Amino acid sequence: MLFQRREKLPFSERVRVMFWPRRGWRRTTRYMVKRVLRLSGSPHAIALGVAAGVFISFTPFVGLHFMLGFVVAWLAGGNLVASAFGTFIGNPLTFPLIWASTFELGNWMLGRAAGVPFSFDANTSILHDSLDALWPLIMPMTVAGVPMGILFGIGFYFPVRAMVERYQARRRTILSSRANGGERS
């Protein structure tokens, strides 16, 4: 297949790259920002898509973040691809912080004692009792994930919109300069 390795990376290397990219977090972040800036669409739609992805990253439904981000972006009128980039806010480095804060805030919002220990009985049938066993953990995270996701989504919306507006204006200037026979400046 195209763009695949001849020799598959060992499992330990794949895990390491998941937590620390080969070229570092700075370069990976710059790459993601450039990809978002170069998306086609209005600055509002792109920023709304990123905000939708950030919002969904605060929910405990880890395997569904891309799909839920698409749904929220579509319902809000945001860019679907930008929502996928927004979900990268939830990554192996940030998830522990997100989960701990949503769990504690959710317990506080529900009026539960702070630091309620979560226990999981390994003797239960995982398939049969999994939702009952995980509900005490998922419910407070979902309850707190909504306001935290909204807060952080709004926090990302405005800077992303401003960056996309500046990038698109600069790009239009360069393209009109080239069309008029001018040099790139």
Protein backbone atom coordinates (compact mmCIF):
# COMPACT_ATOMS: atom_id res chain seq x y z
CA MET A 1 0.00 0.00 0.00
CA LEU A 2 1.00 3.59 -0.51
CA PHE A 3 2.76 5.38 2.37
CA GLN A 4 3.10 2.34 4.63
CA ARG A 5 6.23 1.08 6.30
CA ARG A 6 7.95 -1.99 4.99
CA GLU A 7 8.63 -3.12 8.52
CA LYS A 8 5.95 -2.48 11.12
CA LEU A 9 7.08 -0.53 14.18
CA PRO A 10 7.33 -2.51 17.40
CA PHE A 11 4.49 -2.05 19.87
CA SER A 12 6.69 -0.17 22.34
CA GLU A 13 7.64 2.39 19.67
CA ARG A 14 4.01 2.89 18.63
CA VAL A 15 3.05 3.54 22.26
CA ARG A 16 5.96 5.97 22.69
CA VAL A 17 4.97 7.90 19.56
CA MET A 18 1.40 8.13 20.85
CA PHE A 19 2.64 10.00 23.94
CA TRP A 20 5.58 11.85 22.36
CA PRO A 21 5.61 12.38 18.58
CA ARG A 22 8.91 11.77 16.78
CA ARG A 23 9.35 15.41 15.85
CA GLY A 24 8.00 16.74 19.17
CA TRP A 25 4.78 18.35 20.29
CA ARG A 26 5.68 21.84 19.03
CA ARG A 27 6.04 20.70 15.43
CA THR A 28 2.93 18.50 15.64
CA THR A 29 0.91 21.42 17.04
CA ARG A 30 2.17 23.78 14.33
CA TYR A 31 1.22 21.22 11.69
CA MET A 32 -2.32 20.91 13.09
CA VAL A 33 -2.74 24.69 13.24
CA LYS A 34 -1.62 25.06 9.62
CA ARG A 35 -4.01 22.32 8.54
CA VAL A 36 -6.92 24.11 10.25
CA LEU A 37 -5.95 27.47 8.73
CA ARG A 38 -5.85 25.99 5.22
CA LEU A 39 -9.33 24.47 5.40
CA SER A 40 -11.83 25.89 2.95
CA GLY A 41 -14.86 27.59 4.40
CA SER A 42 -15.80 30.69 6.28
CA PRO A 43 -13.82 31.58 9.39
CA HIS A 44 -17.02 31.18 11.41
CA ALA A 45 -17.67 27.64 10.12
CA ILE A 46 -14.07 26.53 10.69
CA ALA A 47 -13.93 28.00 14.20
CA LEU A 48 -17.33 26.50 15.00
CA GLY A 49 -16.12 23.10 13.83
CA VAL A 50 -13.02 23.30 16.02
CA ALA A 51 -15.17 24.41 18.97
CA ALA A 52 -17.49 21.44 18.40
CA GLY A 53 -14.53 19.05 18.47
CA VAL A 54 -13.15 20.66 21.63
CA PHE A 55 -16.60 20.45 23.24
CA ILE A 56 -16.91 16.74 22.48
CA SER A 57 -13.41 16.06 23.85
CA PHE A 58 -14.77 16.80 27.33
CA THR A 59 -17.28 13.95 27.18
CA PRO A 60 -16.26 10.50 28.47
CA PHE A 61 -17.21 8.76 25.20
CA VAL A 62 -13.65 8.33 23.94
CA GLY A 63 -14.27 5.96 21.06
CA LEU A 64 -16.99 8.20 19.66
CA HIS A 65 -15.33 11.62 19.73
CA PHE A 66 -14.86 11.93 15.95
CA MET A 67 -18.42 10.87 15.15
CA LEU A 68 -19.98 12.96 17.91
CA GLY A 69 -17.82 15.92 16.85
CA PHE A 70 -19.12 15.57 13.28
CA VAL A 71 -22.71 15.46 14.54
CA VAL A 72 -22.32 18.54 16.76
CA ALA A 73 -20.49 20.46 14.02
CA TRP A 74 -23.15 19.52 11.47
CA LEU A 75 -25.98 20.57 13.80
CA ALA A 76 -24.24 23.88 14.57
CA GLY A 77 -23.30 24.56 10.94
CA GLY A 78 -19.57 24.15 11.50
CA ASN A 79 -16.88 22.58 9.33
CA LEU A 80 -16.83 18.80 9.81
CA VAL A 81 -13.11 18.38 9.14
CA ALA A 82 -12.33 21.19 11.60
CA SER A 83 -14.31 19.30 14.24
CA ALA A 84 -11.96 16.34 13.79
CA PHE A 85 -8.99 18.64 14.41
CA GLY A 86 -10.75 20.04 17.48
CA THR A 87 -11.01 16.58 19.00
CA PHE A 88 -7.20 16.43 19.15
CA ILE A 89 -7.47 18.58 22.29
CA GLY A 90 -8.34 15.28 23.93
CA ASN A 91 -5.11 13.26 23.71
CA PRO A 92 -3.18 10.92 26.01
CA LEU A 93 -1.55 13.86 27.76
CA THR A 94 -4.73 15.86 28.39
CA PHE A 95 -7.24 13.09 29.05
CA PRO A 96 -6.13 12.47 32.65
CA LEU A 97 -6.64 16.17 33.43
CA ILE A 98 -9.97 16.29 31.60
CA TRP A 99 -11.28 13.13 33.23
CA ALA A 100 -10.20 14.07 36.75
CA SER A 101 -11.65 17.58 36.48
CA THR A 102 -14.94 16.46 34.93
CA PHE A 103 -15.31 13.68 37.51
CA GLU A 104 -14.71 16.00 40.47
CA LEU A 105 -16.84 18.83 39.06
CA GLY A 106 -19.61 16.37 38.15
CA ASN A 107 -19.68 14.94 41.65
CA TRP A 108 -19.86 18.48 43.04
CA MET A 109 -22.68 19.39 40.61
CA LEU A 110 -24.59 16.25 41.59
CA GLY A 111 -24.12 16.97 45.29
CA ARG A 112 -21.94 13.96 45.97
CA ALA A 113 -19.07 13.95 48.42
CA ALA A 114 -15.77 15.02 46.91
CA GLY A 115 -13.43 12.21 46.01
CA VAL A 116 -16.04 9.45 46.00
CA PRO A 117 -13.97 6.33 45.39
CA PHE A 118 -14.77 4.44 42.23
CA SER A 119 -14.72 0.69 42.65
CA PHE A 120 -14.99 -1.95 39.98
CA ASP A 121 -15.77 -5.55 40.87
CA ALA A 122 -13.83 -7.79 38.52
CA ASN A 123 -16.09 -10.75 39.37
CA THR A 124 -19.09 -9.24 37.61
CA SER A 125 -19.91 -10.17 34.06
CA ILE A 126 -18.34 -7.36 32.02
CA LEU A 127 -20.79 -7.64 29.16
CA HIS A 128 -23.86 -7.91 31.37
CA ASP A 129 -23.09 -5.47 34.16
CA SER A 130 -20.68 -3.05 32.48
CA LEU A 131 -23.05 -0.10 32.24
CA ASP A 132 -24.23 -0.57 35.82
CA ALA A 133 -20.62 -0.76 37.00
CA LEU A 134 -19.42 2.22 34.96
CA TRP A 135 -22.45 4.49 35.40
CA PRO A 136 -21.20 6.02 38.69
CA LEU A 137 -18.10 7.11 36.78
CA ILE A 138 -19.69 8.13 33.46
CA MET A 139 -22.62 10.13 34.83
CA PRO A 140 -20.65 12.84 36.70
CA MET A 141 -18.16 13.08 33.83
CA THR A 142 -21.00 13.63 31.36
CA VAL A 143 -22.80 16.13 33.59
CA ALA A 144 -19.65 18.23 34.06
CA GLY A 145 -18.34 17.62 30.55
CA VAL A 146 -21.14 19.67 29.00
CA PRO A 147 -20.45 23.00 30.75
CA MET A 148 -16.68 22.50 30.63
CA GLY A 149 -16.88 21.60 26.94
CA ILE A 150 -18.97 24.69 26.23
CA LEU A 151 -16.53 26.88 28.15
CA PHE A 152 -13.45 25.50 26.41
CA GLY A 153 -15.23 25.43 23.03
CA ILE A 154 -15.97 29.14 23.35
CA GLY A 155 -12.39 29.67 24.48
CA PHE A 156 -11.14 28.08 21.26
CA TYR A 157 -13.76 29.61 18.93
CA PHE A 158 -12.61 33.23 19.07
CA PRO A 159 -8.83 32.73 18.65
CA VAL A 160 -9.35 30.19 15.85
CA ARG A 161 -11.76 32.52 14.06
CA ALA A 162 -9.32 35.43 14.31
CA MET A 163 -6.41 33.30 13.04
CA VAL A 164 -8.44 31.96 10.09
CA GLU A 165 -9.64 35.48 9.19
CA ARG A 166 -6.04 36.78 9.19
CA TYR A 167 -4.76 33.80 7.20
CA GLN A 168 -7.52 34.05 4.59
CA ALA A 169 -7.07 37.83 4.21
CA ARG A 170 -3.31 37.41 3.77
CA ARG A 171 -3.88 34.59 1.28
CA ARG A 172 -6.34 36.73 -0.75
CA THR A 173 -3.79 39.56 -0.85
CA ILE A 174 -1.05 37.24 -2.10
CA LEU A 175 -3.30 35.70 -4.74
CA SER A 176 -4.53 39.09 -6.00
CA SER A 177 -0.95 40.32 -6.11
CA ARG A 178 0.05 37.33 -8.23
CA ALA A 179 -2.97 37.78 -10.49
CA ASN A 180 -1.95 41.41 -11.08
CA GLY A 181 1.55 40.34 -12.06
CA GLY A 182 3.18 41.38 -8.80
CA GLU A 183 5.83 39.50 -6.95
CA ARG A 184 5.17 37.56 -3.79
CA SER A 185 6.07 39.64 -0.77
